[in-house]
Amino acid sequence: MDSVAARIRARATGRKTVEDLYQDSSRVYFIHYACESFEKNAATGSVKVVLIAIRNLHNGQTKSWSILKSAELDGCFTAIPSNINRLEKIMLDGFFGFLNEHPDCRFVHWNMRDDHFGFSALEHRHRALDGVPFVVRDGQKVDLSRLLWTLYGDNYASHTSKSGRPGRIFSLVEMNNIGDKGALSGDDEPKAFESGDHLKMQQSTLRKLEIFSCIFELVHRKKLKTEASWLDVNGLHPAYILDSIKRHWIVSLFAVTGTVIGALLTWWKAINAFFQIE
């Protein structure tokens, strides 16, 4: 019973999180970034960050910082490899400068939650390049993948899509007919970096922001198609049924009306009893 009640409360909290983000949409950004292969630098330190992008929930305006942009502005577009650390530092300076200027914003991400891949990984990389990162508080971060798990259960999407692409993102893309042209898998993005195709990585990162935005919009409208069954989402249990009944406005109206009528009848009986005594 306790686990079912906890599941109900967690789902209600998740739904409230969605509504709160939507209501405060001008201060909410989707965020994603691309980096080199994690395996390559496993013995030598943190991995290089190639591109970071954000997209505003309210107006869809997108902003990005990349090694490619840094090279173009710095005048070394044709000599990126020999200047890559300096260009990466310029990129990270710009990104963390934005965070510093928007300290009250919230960021919706996909699995960016640890030192391997996440905000702390970006912060560490900036420090490794002698930068001073602005640290976003955990309360300002919302993991979209975790939110979906809370709302729809562990079976909301397969880890491999029907077309064979790895990741729940692509499973949701295919189920909901979301445009994903140019979006690369997590394994293909590092390959694009190795081949020097920074533009392909940029297109992939920006496309994924659009995908996150579409998924969130469908969640808000309660239209997202998932692989979760009704039982996965709600659970057939008396605790859930009673909770659902309590939440329904018609039932609440009857309950309030019944309480008022009961009070009036009690009051009327008391008056009758008083006059009979007299």
C-alpha atoms as a PDB file:
ATOM      1  CA  MET A   1       0.000   0.000   0.000  1.00  0.00           C
ATOM      2  CA  ASP A   2       2.776   2.421   0.948  1.00  0.00           C
ATOM      3  CA  SER A   3       4.626   1.870  -2.336  1.00  0.00           C
ATOM      4  CA  VAL A   4       1.432   2.460  -4.326  1.00  0.00           C
ATOM      5  CA  ALA A   5       0.694   5.633  -2.383  1.00  0.00           C
ATOM      6  CA  ALA A   6       4.272   6.797  -2.967  1.00  0.00           C
ATOM      7  CA  ARG A   7       3.876   6.110  -6.682  1.00  0.00           C
ATOM      8  CA  ILE A   8       0.685   8.198  -6.760  1.00  0.00           C
ATOM      9  CA  ARG A   9       2.343  11.058  -4.921  1.00  0.00           C
ATOM     10  CA  ALA A  10       5.421  10.937  -7.178  1.00  0.00           C
ATOM     11  CA  ARG A  11       3.261  11.027 -10.290  1.00  0.00           C
ATOM     12  CA  ALA A  12       1.278  13.993  -8.934  1.00  0.00           C
ATOM     13  CA  THR A  13       4.544  15.780  -8.150  1.00  0.00           C
ATOM     14  CA  GLY A  14       5.824  15.036 -11.648  1.00  0.00           C
ATOM     15  CA  ARG A  15       2.672  16.416 -13.224  1.00  0.00           C
ATOM     16  CA  LYS A  16       2.966  19.542 -11.072  1.00  0.00           C
ATOM     17  CA  THR A  17       6.579  19.954 -12.219  1.00  0.00           C
ATOM     18  CA  VAL A  18       5.404  19.915 -15.845  1.00  0.00           C
ATOM     19  CA  GLU A  19       2.742  22.531 -15.141  1.00  0.00           C
ATOM     20  CA  ASP A  20       5.128  24.738 -13.165  1.00  0.00           C
ATOM     21  CA  LEU A  21       7.693  24.676 -15.973  1.00  0.00           C
ATOM     22  CA  TYR A  22       5.032  25.518 -18.537  1.00  0.00           C
ATOM     23  CA  GLN A  23       3.718  28.413 -16.466  1.00  0.00           C
ATOM     24  CA  ASP A  24       7.246  29.807 -16.086  1.00  0.00           C
ATOM     25  CA  SER A  25       8.231  28.992 -19.690  1.00  0.00           C
ATOM     26  CA  SER A  26      10.131  32.228 -20.366  1.00  0.00           C
ATOM     27  CA  ARG A  27      12.692  31.206 -17.738  1.00  0.00           C
ATOM     28  CA  VAL A  28      12.956  27.563 -18.784  1.00  0.00           C
ATOM     29  CA  TYR A  29      15.537  26.230 -21.233  1.00  0.00           C
ATOM     30  CA  PHE A  30      16.150  22.834 -22.779  1.00  0.00           C
ATOM     31  CA  ILE A  31      19.858  22.029 -22.789  1.00  0.00           C
ATOM     32  CA  HIS A  32      22.080  19.482 -24.506  1.00  0.00           C
ATOM     33  CA  TYR A  33      25.740  19.199 -25.428  1.00  0.00           C
ATOM     34  CA  ALA A  34      28.088  17.096 -27.540  1.00  0.00           C
ATOM     35  CA  CYS A  35      31.567  15.884 -26.671  1.00  0.00           C
ATOM     36  CA  GLU A  36      34.278  13.538 -27.833  1.00  0.00           C
ATOM     37  CA  SER A  37      34.236   9.817 -27.040  1.00  0.00           C
ATOM     38  CA  PHE A  38      34.279   8.983 -23.337  1.00  0.00           C
ATOM     39  CA  GLU A  39      36.577   6.018 -23.969  1.00  0.00           C
ATOM     40  CA  LYS A  40      39.255   8.064 -25.726  1.00  0.00           C
ATOM     41  CA  ASN A  41      40.261  10.144 -22.725  1.00  0.00           C
ATOM     42  CA  ALA A  42      39.493   7.550 -20.062  1.00  0.00           C
ATOM     43  CA  ALA A  43      43.163   7.443 -18.992  1.00  0.00           C
ATOM     44  CA  THR A  44      44.139  11.039 -19.714  1.00  0.00           C
ATOM     45  CA  GLY A  45      41.407  13.129 -18.100  1.00  0.00           C
ATOM     46  CA  SER A  46      38.107  14.787 -18.942  1.00  0.00           C
ATOM     47  CA  VAL A  47      36.676  14.657 -22.450  1.00  0.00           C
ATOM     48  CA  LYS A  48      36.582  17.692 -24.710  1.00  0.00           C
ATOM     49  CA  VAL A  49      33.261  19.475 -25.064  1.00  0.00           C
ATOM     50  CA  VAL A  50      32.466  20.338 -28.667  1.00  0.00           C
ATOM     51  CA  LEU A  51      29.148  22.181 -28.513  1.00  0.00           C
ATOM     52  CA  ILE A  52      26.523  23.308 -25.999  1.00  0.00           C
ATOM     53  CA  ALA A  53      23.051  24.498 -26.978  1.00  0.00           C
ATOM     54  CA  ILE A  54      19.954  25.766 -25.181  1.00  0.00           C
ATOM     55  CA  ARG A  55      16.374  26.380 -26.356  1.00  0.00           C
ATOM     56  CA  ASN A  56      13.811  28.539 -24.591  1.00  0.00           C
ATOM     57  CA  LEU A  57      10.536  26.805 -23.777  1.00  0.00           C
ATOM     58  CA  HIS A  58       8.446  29.945 -24.273  1.00  0.00           C
ATOM     59  CA  ASN A  59       9.547  31.150 -27.700  1.00  0.00           C
ATOM     60  CA  GLY A  60      11.776  28.398 -29.057  1.00  0.00           C
ATOM     61  CA  GLN A  61      14.727  30.761 -29.437  1.00  0.00           C
ATOM     62  CA  THR A  62      17.949  28.775 -29.531  1.00  0.00           C
ATOM     63  CA  LYS A  63      21.486  29.763 -28.601  1.00  0.00           C
ATOM     64  CA  SER A  64      24.642  27.693 -28.953  1.00  0.00           C
ATOM     65  CA  TRP A  65      28.337  27.830 -28.171  1.00  0.00           C
ATOM     66  CA  SER A  66      30.786  25.654 -30.089  1.00  0.00           C
ATOM     67  CA  ILE A  67      34.412  25.130 -30.974  1.00  0.00           C
ATOM     68  CA  LEU A  68      33.396  25.790 -34.564  1.00  0.00           C
ATOM     69  CA  LYS A  69      31.936  29.214 -33.722  1.00  0.00           C
ATOM     70  CA  SER A  70      34.907  30.058 -31.523  1.00  0.00           C
ATOM     71  CA  ALA A  71      37.288  29.228 -34.381  1.00  0.00           C
ATOM     72  CA  GLU A  72      35.385  31.388 -36.835  1.00  0.00           C
ATOM     73  CA  LEU A  73      35.314  34.384 -34.499  1.00  0.00           C
ATOM     74  CA  ASP A  74      38.958  33.864 -33.545  1.00  0.00           C
ATOM     75  CA  GLY A  75      40.121  33.706 -37.154  1.00  0.00           C
ATOM     76  CA  CYS A  76      41.564  30.187 -37.010  1.00  0.00           C
ATOM     77  CA  PHE A  77      38.800  28.293 -38.794  1.00  0.00           C
ATOM     78  CA  THR A  78      41.313  26.214 -40.765  1.00  0.00           C
ATOM     79  CA  ALA A  79      43.531  25.436 -37.773  1.00  0.00           C
ATOM     80  CA  ILE A  80      41.093  24.044 -35.193  1.00  0.00           C
ATOM     81  CA  PRO A  81      43.142  20.996 -34.048  1.00  0.00           C
ATOM     82  CA  SER A  82      46.191  23.039 -33.061  1.00  0.00           C
ATOM     83  CA  ASN A  83      44.043  25.567 -31.152  1.00  0.00           C
ATOM     84  CA  ILE A  84      41.350  23.298 -29.808  1.00  0.00           C
ATOM     85  CA  ASN A  85      41.911  23.807 -26.052  1.00  0.00           C
ATOM     86  CA  ARG A  86      41.880  27.583 -26.385  1.00  0.00           C
ATOM     87  CA  LEU A  87      38.778  27.452 -28.584  1.00  0.00           C
ATOM     88  CA  GLU A  88      37.031  25.136 -26.133  1.00  0.00           C
ATOM     89  CA  LYS A  89      37.846  27.564 -23.305  1.00  0.00           C
ATOM     90  CA  ILE A  90      36.303  30.445 -25.296  1.00  0.00           C
ATOM     91  CA  MET A  91      33.181  28.351 -25.857  1.00  0.00           C
ATOM     92  CA  LEU A  92      32.843  27.404 -22.178  1.00  0.00           C
ATOM     93  CA  ASP A  93      33.483  31.003 -21.088  1.00  0.00           C
ATOM     94  CA  GLY A  94      30.533  32.062 -23.219  1.00  0.00           C
ATOM     95  CA  PHE A  95      28.235  29.336 -21.921  1.00  0.00           C
ATOM     96  CA  PHE A  96      28.997  29.890 -18.248  1.00  0.00           C
ATOM     97  CA  GLY A  97      28.754  33.619 -18.802  1.00  0.00           C
ATOM     98  CA  PHE A  98      25.172  33.076 -19.964  1.00  0.00           C
ATOM     99  CA  LEU A  99      24.404  31.009 -16.865  1.00  0.00           C
ATOM    100  CA  ASN A 100      25.832  33.742 -14.664  1.00  0.00           C
ATOM    101  CA  GLU A 101      23.544  36.282 -16.347  1.00  0.00           C
ATOM    102  CA  HIS A 102      20.479  34.043 -15.907  1.00  0.00           C
ATOM    103  CA  PRO A 103      20.840  32.717 -12.345  1.00  0.00           C
ATOM    104  CA  ASP A 104      17.110  32.130 -11.814  1.00  0.00           C
ATOM    105  CA  CYS A 105      16.428  30.007 -14.925  1.00  0.00           C
ATOM    106  CA  ARG A 106      15.648  26.291 -14.974  1.00  0.00           C
ATOM    107  CA  PHE A 107      17.164  23.762 -17.356  1.00  0.00           C
ATOM    108  CA  VAL A 108      15.474  20.666 -18.762  1.00  0.00           C
ATOM    109  CA  HIS A 109      17.993  18.051 -19.883  1.00  0.00           C
ATOM    110  CA  TRP A 110      18.332  14.387 -20.799  1.00  0.00           C
ATOM    111  CA  ASN A 111      20.494  12.383 -18.361  1.00  0.00           C
ATOM    112  CA  MET A 112      22.899  15.272 -17.668  1.00  0.00           C
ATOM    113  CA  ARG A 113      23.256  14.300 -14.034  1.00  0.00           C
ATOM    114  CA  ASP A 114      26.802  13.183 -13.171  1.00  0.00           C
ATOM    115  CA  ASP A 115      30.540  13.692 -13.623  1.00  0.00           C
ATOM    116  CA  HIS A 116      30.493  11.451 -16.673  1.00  0.00           C
ATOM    117  CA  PHE A 117      27.966  13.482 -18.632  1.00  0.00           C
ATOM    118  CA  GLY A 118      26.276  16.428 -17.033  1.00  0.00           C
ATOM    119  CA  PHE A 119      26.536  19.877 -15.516  1.00  0.00           C
ATOM    120  CA  SER A 120      29.326  18.805 -13.170  1.00  0.00           C
ATOM    121  CA  ALA A 121      31.255  17.393 -16.144  1.00  0.00           C
ATOM    122  CA  LEU A 122      30.997  20.765 -17.904  1.00  0.00           C
ATOM    123  CA  GLU A 123      32.076  22.556 -14.746  1.00  0.00           C
ATOM    124  CA  HIS A 124      35.075  20.274 -14.314  1.00  0.00           C
ATOM    125  CA  ARG A 125      36.111  20.713 -17.945  1.00  0.00           C
ATOM    126  CA  HIS A 126      35.965  24.492 -17.578  1.00  0.00           C
ATOM    127  CA  ARG A 127      38.128  24.342 -14.454  1.00  0.00           C
ATOM    128  CA  ALA A 128      40.598  22.059 -16.251  1.00  0.00           C
ATOM    129  CA  LEU A 129      41.005  24.851 -18.813  1.00  0.00           C
ATOM    130  CA  ASP A 130      41.548  27.439 -16.029  1.00  0.00           C
ATOM    131  CA  GLY A 131      37.993  28.727 -16.211  1.00  0.00           C
ATOM    132  CA  VAL A 132      35.669  29.673 -13.344  1.00  0.00           C
ATOM    133  CA  PRO A 133      32.276  28.034 -13.991  1.00  0.00           C
ATOM    134  CA  PHE A 134      28.954  29.276 -12.694  1.00  0.00           C
ATOM    135  CA  VAL A 135      27.358  26.408 -10.742  1.00  0.00           C
ATOM    136  CA  VAL A 136      23.654  25.792 -11.358  1.00  0.00           C
ATOM    137  CA  ARG A 137      21.769  24.609  -8.278  1.00  0.00           C
ATOM    138  CA  ASP A 138      20.317  21.102  -8.452  1.00  0.00           C
ATOM    139  CA  GLY A 139      16.835  22.496  -7.841  1.00  0.00           C
ATOM    140  CA  GLN A 140      17.066  24.316 -11.177  1.00  0.00           C
ATOM    141  CA  LYS A 141      17.741  21.128 -13.143  1.00  0.00           C
ATOM    142  CA  VAL A 142      14.987  18.854 -14.465  1.00  0.00           C
ATOM    143  CA  ASP A 143      15.920  15.503 -16.000  1.00  0.00           C
ATOM    144  CA  LEU A 144      13.323  14.892 -18.720  1.00  0.00           C
ATOM    145  CA  SER A 145      14.122  11.180 -18.916  1.00  0.00           C
ATOM    146  CA  ARG A 146      13.601  10.822 -15.166  1.00  0.00           C
ATOM    147  CA  LEU A 147      10.394  12.856 -15.353  1.00  0.00           C
ATOM    148  CA  LEU A 148       9.009  10.501 -18.009  1.00  0.00           C
ATOM    149  CA  TRP A 149       9.908   7.526 -15.825  1.00  0.00           C
ATOM    150  CA  THR A 150       7.988   9.115 -12.951  1.00  0.00           C
ATOM    151  CA  LEU A 151       4.900   9.822 -15.059  1.00  0.00           C
ATOM    152  CA  TYR A 152       4.753   6.671 -17.189  1.00  0.00           C
ATOM    153  CA  GLY A 153       6.754   4.021 -15.356  1.00  0.00           C
ATOM    154  CA  ASP A 154       9.942   2.168 -16.251  1.00  0.00           C
ATOM    155  CA  ASN A 155       8.477   0.662 -19.418  1.00  0.00           C
ATOM    156  CA  TYR A 156       7.534   3.924 -21.122  1.00  0.00           C
ATOM    157  CA  ALA A 157       9.924   3.308 -24.052  1.00  0.00           C
ATOM    158  CA  SER A 158      12.363   0.661 -25.277  1.00  0.00           C
ATOM    159  CA  HIS A 159      16.098   1.283 -25.057  1.00  0.00           C
ATOM    160  CA  THR A 160      16.311   0.438 -28.752  1.00  0.00           C
ATOM    161  CA  SER A 161      13.861   1.877 -31.292  1.00  0.00           C
ATOM    162  CA  LYS A 162      11.999  -0.258 -33.786  1.00  0.00           C
ATOM    163  CA  SER A 163      14.404   0.859 -36.501  1.00  0.00           C
ATOM    164  CA  GLY A 164      17.339  -0.325 -34.386  1.00  0.00           C
ATOM    165  CA  ARG A 165      18.644   3.003 -33.118  1.00  0.00           C
ATOM    166  CA  PRO A 166      19.876   2.948 -29.506  1.00  0.00           C
ATOM    167  CA  GLY A 167      18.209   5.118 -26.892  1.00  0.00           C
ATOM    168  CA  ARG A 168      14.734   5.787 -25.563  1.00  0.00           C
ATOM    169  CA  ILE A 169      14.790   9.170 -27.276  1.00  0.00           C
ATOM    170  CA  PHE A 170      14.553   7.548 -30.703  1.00  0.00           C
ATOM    171  CA  SER A 171      11.870   5.124 -29.505  1.00  0.00           C
ATOM    172  CA  LEU A 172       9.724   8.097 -28.503  1.00  0.00           C
ATOM    173  CA  VAL A 173      10.566   9.885 -31.749  1.00  0.00           C
ATOM    174  CA  GLU A 174       9.263   6.979 -33.817  1.00  0.00           C
ATOM    175  CA  MET A 175       6.165   6.386 -31.698  1.00  0.00           C
ATOM    176  CA  ASN A 176       5.148  10.051 -31.865  1.00  0.00           C
ATOM    177  CA  ASN A 177       6.262  10.844 -35.441  1.00  0.00           C
ATOM    178  CA  ILE A 178       8.649  13.571 -34.283  1.00  0.00           C
ATOM    179  CA  GLY A 179      11.033  14.943 -36.897  1.00  0.00           C
ATOM    180  CA  ASP A 180      14.591  13.809 -36.190  1.00  0.00           C
ATOM    181  CA  LYS A 181      16.509  14.553 -39.382  1.00  0.00           C
ATOM    182  CA  GLY A 182      20.169  15.049 -38.528  1.00  0.00           C
ATOM    183  CA  ALA A 183      19.926  13.692 -34.968  1.00  0.00           C
ATOM    184  CA  LEU A 184      22.841  11.350 -34.263  1.00  0.00           C
ATOM    185  CA  SER A 185      22.998   8.589 -31.683  1.00  0.00           C
ATOM    186  CA  GLY A 186      25.305   8.931 -28.693  1.00  0.00           C
ATOM    187  CA  ASP A 187      27.869   6.735 -30.434  1.00  0.00           C
ATOM    188  CA  ASP A 188      27.768   8.574 -33.757  1.00  0.00           C
ATOM    189  CA  GLU A 189      28.392  12.060 -32.362  1.00  0.00           C
ATOM    190  CA  PRO A 190      31.968  11.277 -31.180  1.00  0.00           C
ATOM    191  CA  LYS A 191      32.650   9.717 -34.582  1.00  0.00           C
ATOM    192  CA  ALA A 192      31.649  12.981 -36.227  1.00  0.00           C
ATOM    193  CA  PHE A 193      34.100  14.781 -33.950  1.00  0.00           C
ATOM    194  CA  GLU A 194      36.911  12.392 -34.852  1.00  0.00           C
ATOM    195  CA  SER A 195      36.290  13.030 -38.529  1.00  0.00           C
ATOM    196  CA  GLY A 196      36.281  16.787 -37.943  1.00  0.00           C
ATOM    197  CA  ASP A 197      32.615  17.159 -38.917  1.00  0.00           C
ATOM    198  CA  HIS A 198      31.685  19.820 -36.367  1.00  0.00           C
ATOM    199  CA  LEU A 199      28.735  20.984 -38.446  1.00  0.00           C
ATOM    200  CA  LYS A 200      27.123  17.543 -38.273  1.00  0.00           C
ATOM    201  CA  MET A 201      27.486  17.559 -34.478  1.00  0.00           C
ATOM    202  CA  GLN A 202      25.918  21.006 -34.327  1.00  0.00           C
ATOM    203  CA  GLN A 203      22.944  19.921 -36.418  1.00  0.00           C
ATOM    204  CA  SER A 204      22.480  16.851 -34.235  1.00  0.00           C
ATOM    205  CA  THR A 205      22.551  18.781 -30.954  1.00  0.00           C
ATOM    206  CA  LEU A 206      20.107  21.419 -32.174  1.00  0.00           C
ATOM    207  CA  ARG A 207      17.757  18.752 -33.523  1.00  0.00           C
ATOM    208  CA  LYS A 208      17.752  16.963 -30.177  1.00  0.00           C
ATOM    209  CA  LEU A 209      16.693  20.189 -28.471  1.00  0.00           C
ATOM    210  CA  GLU A 210      13.710  20.310 -30.831  1.00  0.00           C
ATOM    211  CA  ILE A 211      12.936  16.687 -29.985  1.00  0.00           C
ATOM    212  CA  PHE A 212      13.032  17.409 -26.234  1.00  0.00           C
ATOM    213  CA  SER A 213      10.733  20.374 -26.773  1.00  0.00           C
ATOM    214  CA  CYS A 214       8.235  18.264 -28.752  1.00  0.00           C
ATOM    215  CA  ILE A 215       8.268  15.496 -26.140  1.00  0.00           C
ATOM    216  CA  PHE A 216       7.670  17.995 -23.337  1.00  0.00           C
ATOM    217  CA  GLU A 217       4.823  19.649 -25.229  1.00  0.00           C
ATOM    218  CA  LEU A 218       3.136  16.280 -25.744  1.00  0.00           C
ATOM    219  CA  VAL A 219       3.585  15.456 -22.062  1.00  0.00           C
ATOM    220  CA  HIS A 220       1.999  18.770 -21.106  1.00  0.00           C
ATOM    221  CA  ARG A 221      -0.965  18.119 -23.409  1.00  0.00           C
ATOM    222  CA  LYS A 222      -1.163  14.512 -22.133  1.00  0.00           C
ATOM    223  CA  LYS A 223      -0.781  13.299 -25.711  1.00  0.00           C
ATOM    224  CA  LEU A 224       2.593  11.544 -25.541  1.00  0.00           C
ATOM    225  CA  LYS A 225       2.477   8.016 -26.943  1.00  0.00           C
ATOM    226  CA  THR A 226       4.501   5.541 -24.917  1.00  0.00           C
ATOM    227  CA  GLU A 227       4.855   1.795 -24.497  1.00  0.00           C
ATOM    228  CA  ALA A 228       3.515   2.015 -20.967  1.00  0.00           C
ATOM    229  CA  SER A 229       0.257   0.224 -20.248  1.00  0.00           C
ATOM    230  CA  TRP A 230      -2.545   1.754 -18.232  1.00  0.00           C
ATOM    231  CA  LEU A 231      -1.374  -0.375 -15.305  1.00  0.00           C
ATOM    232  CA  ASP A 232       2.200   0.903 -15.715  1.00  0.00           C
ATOM    233  CA  VAL A 233       0.990   4.461 -15.445  1.00  0.00           C
ATOM    234  CA  ASN A 234      -1.706   4.168 -12.795  1.00  0.00           C
ATOM    235  CA  GLY A 235      -1.618   0.756 -11.155  1.00  0.00           C
ATOM    236  CA  LEU A 236      -4.882  -1.080 -10.507  1.00  0.00           C
ATOM    237  CA  HIS A 237      -5.109  -0.748  -6.763  1.00  0.00           C
ATOM    238  CA  PRO A 238      -7.802   0.464  -4.358  1.00  0.00           C
ATOM    239  CA  ALA A 239      -5.497   3.240  -3.190  1.00  0.00           C
ATOM    240  CA  TYR A 240      -5.255   4.604  -6.720  1.00  0.00           C
ATOM    241  CA  ILE A 241      -9.014   4.247  -7.309  1.00  0.00           C
ATOM    242  CA  LEU A 242      -9.850   6.109  -4.102  1.00  0.00           C
ATOM    243  CA  ASP A 243      -7.282   8.787  -4.926  1.00  0.00           C
ATOM    244  CA  SER A 244      -8.752   9.224  -8.415  1.00  0.00           C
ATOM    245  CA  ILE A 245     -12.263   9.507  -7.004  1.00  0.00           C
ATOM    246  CA  LYS A 246     -11.155  12.138  -4.526  1.00  0.00           C
ATOM    247  CA  ARG A 247      -9.500  14.139  -7.307  1.00  0.00           C
ATOM    248  CA  HIS A 248     -12.556  14.194  -9.573  1.00  0.00           C
ATOM    249  CA  TRP A 249     -14.357  17.553  -9.326  1.00  0.00           C
ATOM    250  CA  ILE A 250     -17.835  16.037  -9.608  1.00  0.00           C
ATOM    251  CA  VAL A 251     -17.207  13.732  -6.664  1.00  0.00           C
ATOM    252  CA  SER A 252     -15.766  16.638  -4.704  1.00  0.00           C
ATOM    253  CA  LEU A 253     -18.829  18.726  -5.530  1.00  0.00           C
ATOM    254  CA  PHE A 254     -21.168  16.003  -4.282  1.00  0.00           C
ATOM    255  CA  ALA A 255     -19.078  15.632  -1.142  1.00  0.00           C
ATOM    256  CA  VAL A 256     -19.253  19.346  -0.397  1.00  0.00           C
ATOM    257  CA  THR A 257     -22.972  19.483  -1.246  1.00  0.00           C
ATOM    258  CA  GLY A 258     -23.626  16.509   1.010  1.00  0.00           C
ATOM    259  CA  THR A 259     -21.770  18.168   3.868  1.00  0.00           C
ATOM    260  CA  VAL A 260     -23.764  21.392   3.469  1.00  0.00           C
ATOM    261  CA  ILE A 261     -27.101  19.529   3.274  1.00  0.00           C
ATOM    262  CA  GLY A 262     -26.176  17.480   6.315  1.00  0.00           C
ATOM    263  CA  ALA A 263     -25.379  20.639   8.263  1.00  0.00           C
ATOM    264  CA  LEU A 264     -28.675  22.268   7.234  1.00  0.00           C
ATOM    265  CA  LEU A 265     -30.667  19.188   8.259  1.00  0.00           C
ATOM    266  CA  THR A 266     -28.951  19.119  11.628  1.00  0.00           C
ATOM    267  CA  TRP A 267     -29.698  22.824  12.082  1.00  0.00           C
ATOM    268  CA  TRP A 268     -33.361  22.315  11.056  1.00  0.00           C
ATOM    269  CA  LYS A 269     -33.805  19.419  13.483  1.00  0.00           C
ATOM    270  CA  ALA A 270     -32.335  21.515  16.254  1.00  0.00           C
ATOM    271  CA  ILE A 271     -34.828  24.340  15.569  1.00  0.00           C
ATOM    272  CA  ASN A 272     -37.781  21.915  15.488  1.00  0.00           C
ATOM    273  CA  ALA A 273     -36.666  20.356  18.723  1.00  0.00           C
ATOM    274  CA  PHE A 274     -36.408  23.785  20.349  1.00  0.00           C
ATOM    275  CA  PHE A 275     -39.968  24.822  19.392  1.00  0.00           C
ATOM    276  CA  GLN A 276     -41.382  21.467  20.451  1.00  0.00           C
ATOM    277  CA  ILE A 277     -39.859  21.983  23.871  1.00  0.00           C
ATOM    278  CA  GLU A 278     -41.412  25.432  24.055  1.00  0.00           C
END
